[in-house]
Amino acid sequence: MKKQRVVRGVPVEEGSGNVYADLGYAGSASMLVKAELTAKISEIVQQRALTQADAAKILGLTQPKVSALLKGRFRGISEHRLLECLTRLGRDVHIVIKPASRSRAHGRLVLSVA
C-alpha cells in the first residue's frame, strides 16, 4: 500500500520513484529507462554546447528528431538507439545481467548513470 500523509491539509501520496508507473502506463520500467537515457543525452549535448544540427550529425538522427528528443519526446526511438547515441557522444555503456533477488520472482530493469 502506498504511503499517504497530509501536508497543509492536502492529502499527499508518496510516489514509487517511477512517474510512469504511478500514472498507470504499461511498460513503465522501459519508459523510465528511456527518459533517463534521454536526459543524459540532453545533458551531454548541453555540456558540449552543440547545436541541434551538430548533434543530429553526431547522433545519426534528423534535426527534428533531435529537437523532439531534447524536449523529452522519445517515443519512436528504441532503447538500443538511445544507447547508440550515448556511444556516439563518447560514452561507454555497460550492460550487466545478474540473477534477481530471491525476494522477487521477476527481474527488474534499472539504469545507473555515472
C-alpha atoms as a PDB file:
ATOM      1  CA  MET A   1       0.000   0.000   0.000  1.00  0.00           C
ATOM      2  CA  LYS A   2       1.250   3.463  -0.852  1.00  0.00           C
ATOM      3  CA  LYS A   3       2.096   5.793   2.000  1.00  0.00           C
ATOM      4  CA  GLN A   4      -0.183   8.756   2.408  1.00  0.00           C
ATOM      5  CA  ARG A   5       0.234  11.844   4.530  1.00  0.00           C
ATOM      6  CA  VAL A   6      -1.355  15.244   4.827  1.00  0.00           C
ATOM      7  CA  VAL A   7       0.593  18.410   4.053  1.00  0.00           C
ATOM      8  CA  ARG A   8      -1.132  21.701   4.893  1.00  0.00           C
ATOM      9  CA  GLY A   9      -4.491  19.967   4.837  1.00  0.00           C
ATOM     10  CA  VAL A  10      -3.901  18.326   1.441  1.00  0.00           C
ATOM     11  CA  PRO A  11      -3.609  14.529   1.192  1.00  0.00           C
ATOM     12  CA  VAL A  12      -0.298  13.578  -0.440  1.00  0.00           C
ATOM     13  CA  GLU A  13       0.552  10.107  -1.728  1.00  0.00           C
ATOM     14  CA  GLU A  14       4.206   9.068  -1.854  1.00  0.00           C
ATOM     15  CA  GLY A  15       5.340   8.131  -5.364  1.00  0.00           C
ATOM     16  CA  SER A  16       7.019   4.876  -6.317  1.00  0.00           C
ATOM     17  CA  GLY A  17      10.035   6.560  -7.891  1.00  0.00           C
ATOM     18  CA  ASN A  18       8.668   5.864 -11.383  1.00  0.00           C
ATOM     19  CA  VAL A  19       6.228   8.539 -12.517  1.00  0.00           C
ATOM     20  CA  TYR A  20       5.127   6.367 -15.449  1.00  0.00           C
ATOM     21  CA  ALA A  21       4.146   3.536 -13.101  1.00  0.00           C
ATOM     22  CA  ASP A  22       2.392   5.997 -10.798  1.00  0.00           C
ATOM     23  CA  LEU A  23       0.343   7.215 -13.776  1.00  0.00           C
ATOM     24  CA  GLY A  24      -0.514   3.635 -14.738  1.00  0.00           C
ATOM     25  CA  TYR A  25       1.361   3.385 -18.044  1.00  0.00           C
ATOM     26  CA  ALA A  26       2.052  -0.085 -19.427  1.00  0.00           C
ATOM     27  CA  GLY A  27       5.796  -0.576 -19.937  1.00  0.00           C
ATOM     28  CA  SER A  28       6.587   1.965 -17.246  1.00  0.00           C
ATOM     29  CA  ALA A  29      10.020   0.487 -16.419  1.00  0.00           C
ATOM     30  CA  SER A  30      11.126   0.795 -20.044  1.00  0.00           C
ATOM     31  CA  MET A  31       9.713   4.319 -20.275  1.00  0.00           C
ATOM     32  CA  LEU A  32      11.666   5.380 -17.194  1.00  0.00           C
ATOM     33  CA  VAL A  33      14.900   3.964 -18.623  1.00  0.00           C
ATOM     34  CA  LYS A  34      14.308   5.771 -21.917  1.00  0.00           C
ATOM     35  CA  ALA A  35      13.613   9.020 -20.047  1.00  0.00           C
ATOM     36  CA  GLU A  36      16.850   8.663 -18.069  1.00  0.00           C
ATOM     37  CA  LEU A  37      18.859   7.890 -21.229  1.00  0.00           C
ATOM     38  CA  THR A  38      17.280  10.874 -22.968  1.00  0.00           C
ATOM     39  CA  ALA A  39      18.112  13.136 -20.026  1.00  0.00           C
ATOM     40  CA  LYS A  40      21.771  12.042 -20.159  1.00  0.00           C
ATOM     41  CA  ILE A  41      21.933  12.666 -23.919  1.00  0.00           C
ATOM     42  CA  SER A  42      20.448  16.124 -23.409  1.00  0.00           C
ATOM     43  CA  GLU A  43      22.928  16.861 -20.613  1.00  0.00           C
ATOM     44  CA  ILE A  44      25.899  15.914 -22.826  1.00  0.00           C
ATOM     45  CA  VAL A  45      24.594  17.951 -25.776  1.00  0.00           C
ATOM     46  CA  GLN A  46      24.225  20.983 -23.487  1.00  0.00           C
ATOM     47  CA  GLN A  47      27.650  20.478 -21.877  1.00  0.00           C
ATOM     48  CA  ARG A  48      29.253  20.358 -25.306  1.00  0.00           C
ATOM     49  CA  ALA A  49      27.188  23.373 -26.469  1.00  0.00           C
ATOM     50  CA  LEU A  50      26.143  21.502 -29.599  1.00  0.00           C
ATOM     51  CA  THR A  51      23.547  22.930 -31.913  1.00  0.00           C
ATOM     52  CA  GLN A  52      20.702  20.614 -32.798  1.00  0.00           C
ATOM     53  CA  ALA A  53      22.132  20.325 -36.307  1.00  0.00           C
ATOM     54  CA  ASP A  54      25.579  19.367 -34.982  1.00  0.00           C
ATOM     55  CA  ALA A  55      24.040  16.906 -32.520  1.00  0.00           C
ATOM     56  CA  ALA A  56      21.997  15.376 -35.345  1.00  0.00           C
ATOM     57  CA  LYS A  57      25.148  14.727 -37.381  1.00  0.00           C
ATOM     58  CA  ILE A  58      26.900  13.102 -34.428  1.00  0.00           C
ATOM     59  CA  LEU A  59      23.878  11.041 -33.382  1.00  0.00           C
ATOM     60  CA  GLY A  60      22.855   9.979 -36.874  1.00  0.00           C
ATOM     61  CA  LEU A  61      19.386  11.456 -36.412  1.00  0.00           C
ATOM     62  CA  THR A  62      17.498  14.208 -38.172  1.00  0.00           C
ATOM     63  CA  GLN A  63      17.467  17.666 -36.595  1.00  0.00           C
ATOM     64  CA  PRO A  64      13.701  17.471 -35.910  1.00  0.00           C
ATOM     65  CA  LYS A  65      14.226  14.110 -34.153  1.00  0.00           C
ATOM     66  CA  VAL A  66      16.995  15.680 -32.017  1.00  0.00           C
ATOM     67  CA  SER A  67      14.710  18.618 -31.227  1.00  0.00           C
ATOM     68  CA  ALA A  68      11.988  16.237 -30.036  1.00  0.00           C
ATOM     69  CA  LEU A  69      14.500  14.165 -28.061  1.00  0.00           C
ATOM     70  CA  LEU A  70      15.890  17.226 -26.270  1.00  0.00           C
ATOM     71  CA  LYS A  71      12.311  18.120 -25.293  1.00  0.00           C
ATOM     72  CA  GLY A  72      11.872  14.686 -23.714  1.00  0.00           C
ATOM     73  CA  ARG A  73       9.828  13.209 -26.556  1.00  0.00           C
ATOM     74  CA  PHE A  74      11.432   9.814 -27.054  1.00  0.00           C
ATOM     75  CA  ARG A  75       8.541   7.809 -28.486  1.00  0.00           C
ATOM     76  CA  GLY A  76       9.595   6.097 -31.672  1.00  0.00           C
ATOM     77  CA  ILE A  77      13.222   5.828 -30.554  1.00  0.00           C
ATOM     78  CA  SER A  78      14.279   2.467 -29.150  1.00  0.00           C
ATOM     79  CA  GLU A  79      16.369   1.994 -26.037  1.00  0.00           C
ATOM     80  CA  HIS A  80      19.037   0.477 -28.271  1.00  0.00           C
ATOM     81  CA  ARG A  81      19.115   3.626 -30.410  1.00  0.00           C
ATOM     82  CA  LEU A  82      19.421   5.818 -27.317  1.00  0.00           C
ATOM     83  CA  LEU A  83      22.333   3.689 -26.096  1.00  0.00           C
ATOM     84  CA  GLU A  84      23.959   4.075 -29.516  1.00  0.00           C
ATOM     85  CA  CYS A  85      23.526   7.855 -29.257  1.00  0.00           C
ATOM     86  CA  LEU A  86      25.427   7.800 -25.972  1.00  0.00           C
ATOM     87  CA  THR A  87      28.316   5.871 -27.515  1.00  0.00           C
ATOM     88  CA  ARG A  88      28.401   8.362 -30.396  1.00  0.00           C
ATOM     89  CA  LEU A  89      28.690  11.086 -27.766  1.00  0.00           C
ATOM     90  CA  GLY A  90      31.798   9.397 -26.358  1.00  0.00           C
ATOM     91  CA  ARG A  91      30.259   7.432 -23.502  1.00  0.00           C
ATOM     92  CA  ASP A  92      30.886   3.781 -22.676  1.00  0.00           C
ATOM     93  CA  VAL A  93      27.751   1.758 -21.993  1.00  0.00           C
ATOM     94  CA  HIS A  94      27.940  -1.382 -19.851  1.00  0.00           C
ATOM     95  CA  ILE A  95      25.003  -3.774 -19.604  1.00  0.00           C
ATOM     96  CA  VAL A  96      25.084  -6.144 -16.631  1.00  0.00           C
ATOM     97  CA  ILE A  97      22.772  -9.129 -16.290  1.00  0.00           C
ATOM     98  CA  LYS A  98      22.570 -10.832 -12.916  1.00  0.00           C
ATOM     99  CA  PRO A  99      20.141 -13.059 -11.026  1.00  0.00           C
ATOM    100  CA  ALA A 100      17.127 -11.373  -9.434  1.00  0.00           C
ATOM    101  CA  SER A 101      16.932 -11.128  -5.673  1.00  0.00           C
ATOM    102  CA  ARG A 102      15.390 -14.170  -4.026  1.00  0.00           C
ATOM    103  CA  SER A 103      12.639 -11.926  -2.690  1.00  0.00           C
ATOM    104  CA  ARG A 104      11.393 -11.220  -6.245  1.00  0.00           C
ATOM    105  CA  ALA A 105      10.012 -13.700  -8.758  1.00  0.00           C
ATOM    106  CA  HIS A 106      10.983 -11.494 -11.707  1.00  0.00           C
ATOM    107  CA  GLY A 107      13.978  -9.353 -12.538  1.00  0.00           C
ATOM    108  CA  ARG A 108      13.792  -5.612 -12.999  1.00  0.00           C
ATOM    109  CA  LEU A 109      15.261  -3.040 -15.335  1.00  0.00           C
ATOM    110  CA  VAL A 110      17.474  -0.475 -13.629  1.00  0.00           C
ATOM    111  CA  LEU A 111      19.666   2.239 -15.139  1.00  0.00           C
ATOM    112  CA  SER A 112      22.697   3.615 -13.311  1.00  0.00           C
ATOM    113  CA  VAL A 113      24.333   6.674 -14.845  1.00  0.00           C
ATOM    114  CA  ALA A 114      27.862   7.524 -13.800  1.00  0.00           C
END
